Protein backbone atom coordinates (compact mmCIF):
# COMPACT_ATOMS: atom_id res chain seq x y z
CA MET A 1 0.00 0.00 0.00
CA LYS A 2 1.21 3.53 -0.74
CA ALA A 3 1.74 5.22 2.64
CA TYR A 4 3.20 8.32 4.28
CA LYS A 5 5.53 8.26 7.28
CA VAL A 6 6.20 11.33 9.44
CA VAL A 7 9.83 11.33 10.53
CA ARG A 8 12.44 13.66 11.98
CA TYR A 9 15.01 14.84 9.41
CA ASP A 10 18.26 15.96 10.98
CA SER A 11 21.88 15.85 9.81
CA GLY A 12 20.87 13.95 6.67
CA LYS A 13 19.08 11.17 8.61
CA TYR A 14 15.42 10.22 8.74
CA THR A 15 14.34 8.82 12.12
CA SER A 16 10.98 8.05 13.69
CA HIS A 17 9.60 10.36 16.36
CA SER A 18 9.21 7.58 18.94
CA GLY A 19 12.34 8.49 20.90
CA ILE A 20 13.75 5.54 22.82
CA HIS A 21 12.90 2.96 20.12
CA SER A 22 13.52 5.17 17.08
CA LEU A 23 13.92 3.57 13.70
CA GLU A 24 16.15 4.97 10.99
CA TYR A 25 14.84 5.15 7.42
CA ASN A 26 16.81 5.25 4.17
CA LEU A 27 15.31 5.91 0.74
CA GLY A 28 14.86 2.67 -1.19
CA VAL A 29 15.61 0.48 1.84
CA LYS A 30 12.97 -1.59 3.64
CA THR A 31 12.68 -0.85 7.37
CA VAL A 32 11.34 -3.58 9.67
CA PRO A 33 10.99 -2.94 13.42
CA THR A 34 12.57 -5.36 15.90
CA PHE A 35 9.17 -5.54 17.63
CA GLY A 36 5.70 -4.15 17.00
CA ARG A 37 4.60 -2.31 13.90
CA ILE A 38 5.30 1.01 12.17
CA PHE A 39 2.77 3.84 12.27
CA VAL A 40 1.97 5.41 8.88
CA PHE A 41 -0.79 7.36 7.16
CA LYS A 42 -2.62 6.28 4.02
CA ASN A 43 -3.22 9.91 3.04
CA GLN A 44 -0.57 12.64 2.66
CA LYS A 45 -2.91 15.34 4.02
CA LYS A 46 -3.40 13.37 7.28
CA ALA A 47 0.40 13.03 7.59
CA GLU A 48 0.81 16.79 7.02
CA ILE A 49 -1.72 17.57 9.77
CA PHE A 50 0.13 15.24 12.17
CA ALA A 51 3.52 16.75 11.23
CA ARG A 52 2.43 20.30 12.16
CA GLY A 53 4.24 21.47 15.25
CA HIS A 54 6.97 18.84 15.05
CA LYS A 55 10.43 20.35 14.62
CA ASN A 56 12.35 19.14 11.54
CA ALA A 57 9.39 17.03 10.42
CA ALA A 58 9.63 15.33 7.04
CA ILE A 59 7.06 13.18 5.30
CA LEU A 60 8.31 10.16 3.41
CA GLU A 61 6.19 8.52 0.72
CA GLY A 62 6.72 4.81 0.26
CA GLU A 63 5.39 1.27 0.27
CA ALA A 64 3.98 -0.23 3.46
CA GLU A 65 3.27 -3.94 3.94
CA ASP A 66 0.49 -5.68 5.89
CA CYS A 67 -1.36 -2.47 6.80
CA ARG A 68 -4.12 -2.27 9.38
CA ILE A 69 -6.17 0.64 10.67
CA ALA A 70 -4.82 1.81 14.04
CA PHE A 71 -6.78 3.47 16.83
CA ILE A 72 -4.45 3.47 19.86
CA GLY A 73 -0.72 3.55 20.60
CA SER A 74 1.53 3.49 23.63
CA ALA A 75 1.60 6.84 25.44
CA HIS A 76 5.16 6.31 26.71
CA PRO A 77 8.02 5.13 24.46
CA CYS A 78 9.54 3.14 27.34
CA ARG A 79 6.36 0.98 27.31
CA ASP A 80 6.28 0.39 23.53
CA GLN A 81 7.53 -3.19 23.67
CA PHE A 82 5.02 -4.12 26.40
CA PHE A 83 2.21 -2.46 24.41
CA TRP A 84 3.02 -4.50 21.29
CA GLU A 85 3.35 -7.76 23.25
CA MET A 86 -0.15 -7.24 24.67
CA LYS A 87 -1.55 -6.42 21.20
CA LYS A 88 0.09 -9.56 19.77
CA ARG A 89 -1.68 -11.65 22.42
CA HIS A 90 -5.00 -9.92 21.58
CA LYS A 91 -5.17 -8.48 25.09
CA LYS A 92 -6.09 -4.98 26.11
CA PRO A 93 -2.86 -3.10 26.88
CA SER A 94 -2.65 -2.33 30.59
CA CYS A 95 -0.32 0.62 30.01
CA GLN A 96 -1.39 4.18 29.30
CA VAL A 97 -2.44 4.59 25.66
CA ILE A 98 -3.14 7.50 23.35
CA ILE A 99 -5.83 7.84 20.71
CA LEU A 100 -4.12 8.05 17.33
CA PRO A 101 -5.05 10.63 14.70
CA LYS A 102 -7.72 9.63 12.18
CA GLY A 103 -6.16 7.99 9.17
CA SER A 104 -3.46 6.17 11.18
CA TYR A 105 -2.38 2.70 10.10
CA THR A 106 0.24 0.25 11.28
CA CYS A 107 2.38 -1.87 8.99
CA THR A 108 5.02 -4.57 9.33
CA SER A 109 7.52 -2.73 7.12
CA PHE A 110 7.96 0.56 5.30
CA THR A 111 10.17 1.29 2.28
CA PRO A 112 10.49 5.04 1.74
CA GLU A 113 10.78 6.11 -1.89
CA ARG A 114 11.00 9.90 -1.62
CA MET A 115 10.58 12.85 0.74
CA VAL A 116 7.40 14.75 -0.17
CA SER A 117 7.43 17.43 2.53
CA PHE A 118 9.75 19.06 5.06
CA SER A 119 9.23 21.77 7.67
CA SER A 120 11.96 23.06 9.97
């Protein structure tokens, strides 16, 4: 599926905004997380809305695999792995969660093809 990933662009590197478990993205290279899934948007406009207010935010357009609509995410990066373990077991996460923006999806991998937007 064509998807859009909001990332931080700094010193020539694209990284996810998740902090402690950040992933690095390279154009043309498939990124697969060590656990959990990657958050993306199916629509560029939704990604642009999410990117507002984030310093050095870039939007990468690319191909995402095994996409699913997402409604909640872990509220604290240090609890990400626990959150995904609970989701994998089809259990309600017992950690604090956040409601994700409309248009959010998760995927098992993301291959960025080009940067479509950047705001410093």
